[in-house]
Amino acid sequence: MSDRDVAVVTGGGRGIGRAISLKLARAGWDVVIGYLSDVDSATSVADEIQTLGGRALCIQVDTVDERSVEAFFAAAEQFGTVTGVVNNAGAATAVGRLEDNDLADIRHDIDVNLFGVIACCKHAQATLARSGGGAIVNISSAAATLGSPGSYVQYAAAKAGVDALTVGLSKELAPSIRVNAVSPGTIWTQFHRDPDRPAKVAETVPMGRAGEADEIAGAVAWLLSSEASYVTGANLRVAGGL
C-alpha cells in the first residue's frame, strides 16, 4: 500500500480527465481512473502514471447508475486513502438548437452532466469521511453562465445545476470536506463533435485562443491541494476571459 493519498477522477482516461489524472500523479497522488467504455485510453493513462512513479487503478463506472457508482467508490477505498474526488465525466450528445434535438438525447446529457455528478458527490462523501476528510472538485463549464445558444443549451443548464450543487454542498459538508468547481471554456479535446470547433470559436475569446487541457488540470490540482485549504464553494473559471 502506498503512503500517497488517492484521487478519484471520473472520465479520467481522455481529454481534460486524462490531463487531470496525469497532473495529480505528478503532484504526488495515486489515481483511480473511472471510465465508461474506453478501457484502452484509461489503461494508457494508468501506464503513464506508473512510469511517473505513482500507482493507478482503472475502474469502469456508469455515473448515472447508483449501484455502479457505489461499487466504484468501494473499489477506490480498497486501493488506498481517498482524499480527493474529481467529477469530470460529461457528455454532449445533443448538439445544435434545442428544437432540433431528440428529448432522449437531451435527457441523456442532463443525466450524465448533472445527475451523475450528484450521484458521485453522494457516495464520495462517505468515502472521504472515512478517510478523515478531503476535497471534491466538480468540472462545470463556462457554458453555465453563457447559455451556449445554438450549441447545447441543455448542457449549459445542467452545468448551471452543477454550480448550484457546488455552492450548497460546500456549506453542507464544511469544514471536513471542501467542495469547489472549475469551469473550463472551450478546450482542445476530442469532446467536440466538430473537431475544429476550438479554432472556430477562438476569435470570440478575449485571450484569442481555445484552452489546453493541462490548463484546466492545474486549476483542479490546486483546488485539491493543501494550498487551497481555506477555499470551498468557489468556482474557478478557466475560460480565457469569457
Protein backbone atom coordinates (compact mmCIF):
# COMPACT_ATOMS: atom_id res chain seq x y z
CA MET A 1 0.00 0.00 0.00
CA SER A 2 1.33 3.42 -0.96
CA ASP A 3 1.60 6.26 1.53
CA ARG A 4 0.38 8.64 -1.17
CA ASP A 5 -3.21 9.84 -0.96
CA VAL A 6 -5.63 8.68 -3.65
CA ALA A 7 -7.54 10.92 -6.03
CA VAL A 8 -10.57 9.60 -7.90
CA VAL A 9 -11.19 11.03 -11.38
CA THR A 10 -14.33 10.11 -13.33
CA GLY A 11 -13.84 10.23 -17.08
CA GLY A 12 -10.15 10.14 -16.27
CA GLY A 13 -8.94 8.42 -19.41
CA ARG A 14 -9.46 11.08 -22.06
CA GLY A 15 -9.32 14.81 -22.68
CA ILE A 16 -9.46 17.01 -19.60
CA GLY A 17 -9.79 13.94 -17.38
CA ARG A 18 -6.56 12.49 -18.75
CA ALA A 19 -4.73 15.76 -18.14
CA ILE A 20 -6.09 15.92 -14.59
CA SER A 21 -5.08 12.33 -13.82
CA LEU A 22 -1.51 12.92 -15.02
CA LYS A 23 -1.21 16.29 -13.28
CA LEU A 24 -2.32 14.79 -9.98
CA ALA A 25 0.13 11.91 -10.38
CA ARG A 26 2.95 14.41 -10.88
CA ALA A 27 1.77 16.25 -7.76
CA GLY A 28 2.15 13.11 -5.65
CA TRP A 29 -1.25 11.43 -5.82
CA ASP A 30 -2.14 7.87 -6.68
CA VAL A 31 -5.09 7.92 -9.08
CA VAL A 32 -8.26 5.90 -9.61
CA ILE A 33 -9.31 6.40 -13.22
CA GLY A 34 -13.02 5.99 -13.84
CA TYR A 35 -14.06 5.19 -17.39
CA LEU A 36 -17.32 4.19 -19.06
CA SER A 37 -16.28 2.39 -22.26
CA ASP A 38 -12.79 3.33 -23.47
CA VAL A 39 -10.65 0.94 -21.42
CA ASP A 40 -7.68 1.36 -23.76
CA SER A 41 -7.43 5.11 -23.09
CA ALA A 42 -7.81 4.58 -19.33
CA THR A 43 -5.13 1.89 -19.34
CA SER A 44 -2.81 4.15 -21.32
CA VAL A 45 -3.13 6.87 -18.66
CA ALA A 46 -2.54 4.30 -15.91
CA ASP A 47 0.64 3.17 -17.65
CA GLU A 48 1.87 6.77 -17.84
CA ILE A 49 1.17 7.29 -14.15
CA GLN A 50 3.17 4.20 -13.28
CA THR A 51 6.13 5.48 -15.30
CA LEU A 52 5.92 8.63 -13.16
CA GLY A 53 6.34 6.51 -10.05
CA GLY A 54 2.72 6.52 -8.95
CA ARG A 55 0.02 3.89 -8.72
CA ALA A 56 -3.11 3.86 -10.84
CA LEU A 57 -6.25 1.77 -10.95
CA CYS A 58 -8.77 1.73 -13.82
CA ILE A 59 -12.39 1.04 -12.86
CA GLN A 60 -15.39 1.01 -15.17
CA VAL A 61 -18.21 3.16 -13.88
CA ASP A 62 -21.53 4.43 -15.16
CA THR A 63 -22.06 7.62 -13.18
CA VAL A 64 -25.84 7.61 -13.73
CA ASP A 65 -26.18 4.11 -12.23
CA GLU A 66 -26.08 4.33 -8.44
CA ARG A 67 -25.02 0.73 -7.94
CA SER A 68 -22.13 1.26 -10.32
CA VAL A 69 -21.10 4.46 -8.52
CA GLU A 70 -21.31 2.75 -5.12
CA ALA A 71 -19.12 -0.13 -6.33
CA PHE A 72 -16.70 2.34 -7.89
CA PHE A 73 -16.05 4.18 -4.63
CA ALA A 74 -15.87 0.93 -2.66
CA ALA A 75 -13.12 -0.29 -5.00
CA ALA A 76 -11.33 3.05 -4.71
CA GLU A 77 -11.28 2.74 -0.92
CA GLN A 78 -9.69 -0.69 -1.22
CA PHE A 79 -6.95 0.90 -3.34
CA GLY A 80 -5.91 3.46 -0.73
CA THR A 81 -6.87 6.51 1.34
CA VAL A 82 -9.16 8.59 -0.86
CA THR A 83 -8.90 12.30 -0.07
CA GLY A 84 -9.65 13.82 -3.48
CA VAL A 85 -12.55 13.35 -5.90
CA VAL A 86 -12.87 14.95 -9.34
CA ASN A 87 -16.27 14.70 -11.01
CA ASN A 88 -15.19 15.14 -14.60
CA ALA A 89 -17.32 12.70 -16.64
CA GLY A 90 -19.55 14.56 -19.08
CA ALA A 91 -21.45 14.28 -22.34
CA ALA A 92 -22.77 16.43 -25.16
CA THR A 93 -24.83 14.10 -27.30
CA ALA A 94 -27.48 16.64 -28.30
CA VAL A 95 -25.77 19.39 -30.30
CA GLY A 96 -27.45 22.28 -32.09
CA ARG A 97 -30.71 24.10 -31.44
CA LEU A 98 -32.92 22.68 -28.72
CA GLU A 99 -35.89 22.19 -31.07
CA ASP A 100 -33.78 20.08 -33.43
CA ASN A 101 -32.68 17.52 -30.83
CA ASP A 102 -34.37 14.39 -29.57
CA LEU A 103 -35.58 14.54 -25.98
CA ALA A 104 -33.96 11.17 -25.23
CA ASP A 105 -30.55 12.62 -26.17
CA ILE A 106 -31.26 15.75 -24.14
CA ARG A 107 -32.24 13.67 -21.11
CA HIS A 108 -29.07 11.60 -21.50
CA ASP A 109 -26.92 14.73 -21.42
CA ILE A 110 -28.69 16.09 -18.35
CA ASP A 111 -28.37 12.73 -16.60
CA VAL A 112 -24.62 12.50 -17.21
CA ASN A 113 -23.77 16.15 -16.63
CA LEU A 114 -25.91 16.75 -13.53
CA PHE A 115 -27.38 13.57 -12.05
CA GLY A 116 -24.07 11.75 -12.48
CA VAL A 117 -22.26 14.46 -10.53
CA ILE A 118 -24.92 14.35 -7.82
CA ALA A 119 -24.63 10.56 -7.56
CA CYS A 120 -20.85 10.72 -7.31
CA CYS A 121 -20.95 13.50 -4.73
CA LYS A 122 -23.39 11.47 -2.64
CA HIS A 123 -21.13 8.43 -2.49
CA ALA A 124 -17.89 10.42 -2.35
CA GLN A 125 -18.98 11.96 0.95
CA ALA A 126 -18.89 8.70 2.87
CA THR A 127 -15.59 7.66 1.30
CA LEU A 128 -13.94 10.97 2.15
CA ALA A 129 -15.38 10.95 5.67
CA ARG A 130 -13.84 7.54 6.33
CA SER A 131 -10.52 8.98 5.15
CA GLY A 132 -10.80 11.83 7.64
CA GLY A 133 -11.92 14.46 5.13
CA GLY A 134 -10.78 15.77 1.78
CA ALA A 135 -11.93 17.71 -1.24
CA ILE A 136 -14.29 17.40 -4.18
CA VAL A 137 -13.84 19.29 -7.45
CA ASN A 138 -16.75 19.34 -9.88
CA ILE A 139 -15.97 20.11 -13.51
CA SER A 140 -18.58 22.62 -14.63
CA SER A 141 -18.39 24.84 -17.71
CA ALA A 142 -18.36 28.48 -18.72
CA ALA A 143 -21.49 27.47 -20.64
CA ALA A 144 -23.38 27.57 -17.33
CA THR A 145 -23.39 31.37 -17.46
CA LEU A 146 -23.13 31.88 -21.23
CA GLY A 147 -26.04 29.58 -22.11
CA SER A 148 -24.47 28.12 -25.30
CA PRO A 149 -27.32 29.18 -27.62
CA GLY A 150 -27.46 27.20 -30.84
CA SER A 151 -25.00 24.65 -29.49
CA TYR A 152 -26.30 22.86 -26.38
CA VAL A 153 -28.48 24.87 -24.06
CA GLN A 154 -29.43 21.74 -22.09
CA TYR A 155 -25.74 21.11 -21.41
CA ALA A 156 -25.41 24.68 -20.13
CA ALA A 157 -28.48 24.19 -17.93
CA ALA A 158 -27.05 21.01 -16.44
CA LYS A 159 -23.75 22.73 -15.72
CA ALA A 160 -25.60 25.59 -14.03
CA GLY A 161 -27.06 22.89 -11.79
CA VAL A 162 -23.53 21.70 -11.01
CA ASP A 163 -22.63 25.26 -9.99
CA ALA A 164 -25.58 25.41 -7.57
CA LEU A 165 -24.78 21.95 -6.24
CA THR A 166 -21.19 23.01 -5.57
CA VAL A 167 -22.21 26.04 -3.54
CA GLY A 168 -24.85 24.23 -1.50
CA LEU A 169 -22.80 21.11 -0.86
CA SER A 170 -19.75 23.13 0.18
CA LYS A 171 -21.80 24.59 3.03
CA GLU A 172 -23.37 21.26 3.87
CA LEU A 173 -20.05 19.41 4.16
CA ALA A 174 -17.79 22.08 5.67
CA PRO A 175 -15.40 22.03 7.37
CA SER A 176 -14.23 18.45 6.85
CA ILE A 177 -14.87 18.22 3.10
CA ARG A 178 -14.22 21.10 0.73
CA VAL A 179 -16.31 21.32 -2.46
CA ASN A 180 -15.29 23.53 -5.38
CA ALA A 181 -15.76 23.72 -9.13
CA VAL A 182 -13.67 24.52 -12.18
CA SER A 183 -15.43 26.00 -15.22
CA PRO A 184 -13.50 25.49 -18.44
CA GLY A 185 -14.16 27.44 -21.59
CA THR A 186 -13.63 25.85 -25.00
CA ILE A 187 -10.73 23.42 -24.68
CA TRP A 188 -8.77 21.46 -27.27
CA THR A 189 -10.02 17.91 -26.65
CA GLN A 190 -11.91 15.19 -28.53
CA PHE A 191 -15.08 16.19 -26.64
CA HIS A 192 -16.36 18.27 -29.56
CA ARG A 193 -18.42 16.70 -32.33
CA ASP A 194 -16.78 19.22 -34.67
CA PRO A 195 -13.03 18.73 -34.05
CA ASP A 196 -12.32 22.24 -35.41
CA ARG A 197 -14.73 23.97 -33.02
CA PRO A 198 -12.00 25.26 -30.65
CA ALA A 199 -10.30 27.03 -33.57
CA LYS A 200 -13.60 28.42 -34.84
CA VAL A 201 -14.55 29.99 -31.51
CA ALA A 202 -11.08 31.37 -30.78
CA GLU A 203 -11.90 34.82 -32.19
CA THR A 204 -14.71 35.21 -29.63
CA VAL A 205 -12.34 34.54 -26.71
CA PRO A 206 -10.59 37.58 -25.19
CA MET A 207 -7.37 35.57 -24.91
CA GLY A 208 -7.61 34.87 -28.63
CA ARG A 209 -7.41 31.09 -28.43
CA ALA A 210 -9.02 27.97 -27.05
CA GLY A 211 -7.55 26.47 -23.91
CA GLU A 212 -5.43 23.39 -23.34
CA ALA A 213 -6.45 20.51 -21.08
CA ASP A 214 -3.33 20.98 -18.94
CA GLU A 215 -4.52 24.50 -18.07
CA ILE A 216 -7.66 23.01 -16.54
CA ALA A 217 -5.70 20.29 -14.78
CA GLY A 218 -3.55 22.85 -12.99
CA ALA A 219 -6.62 24.55 -11.52
CA VAL A 220 -8.01 21.23 -10.33
CA ALA A 221 -4.73 20.16 -8.74
CA TRP A 222 -4.53 23.43 -6.83
CA LEU A 223 -8.07 23.13 -5.50
CA LEU A 224 -7.30 19.62 -4.23
CA SER A 225 -4.04 20.70 -2.63
CA SER A 226 -3.35 21.98 0.87
CA GLU A 227 -2.64 25.39 -0.65
CA ALA A 228 -6.40 25.72 -1.15
CA SER A 229 -7.22 24.65 2.42
CA TYR A 230 -9.42 27.72 3.03
CA VAL A 231 -11.21 27.51 -0.33
CA THR A 232 -14.66 25.97 -0.51
CA GLY A 233 -17.74 26.89 -2.50
CA ALA A 234 -15.57 28.54 -5.14
CA ASN A 235 -15.90 28.25 -8.90
CA LEU A 236 -12.60 28.83 -10.68
CA ARG A 237 -13.31 29.96 -14.23
CA VAL A 238 -10.60 28.95 -16.68
CA ALA A 239 -12.12 30.26 -19.89
CA GLY A 240 -9.74 32.77 -21.45
CA GLY A 241 -11.83 35.74 -20.35
CA LEU A 242 -15.25 34.50 -21.45
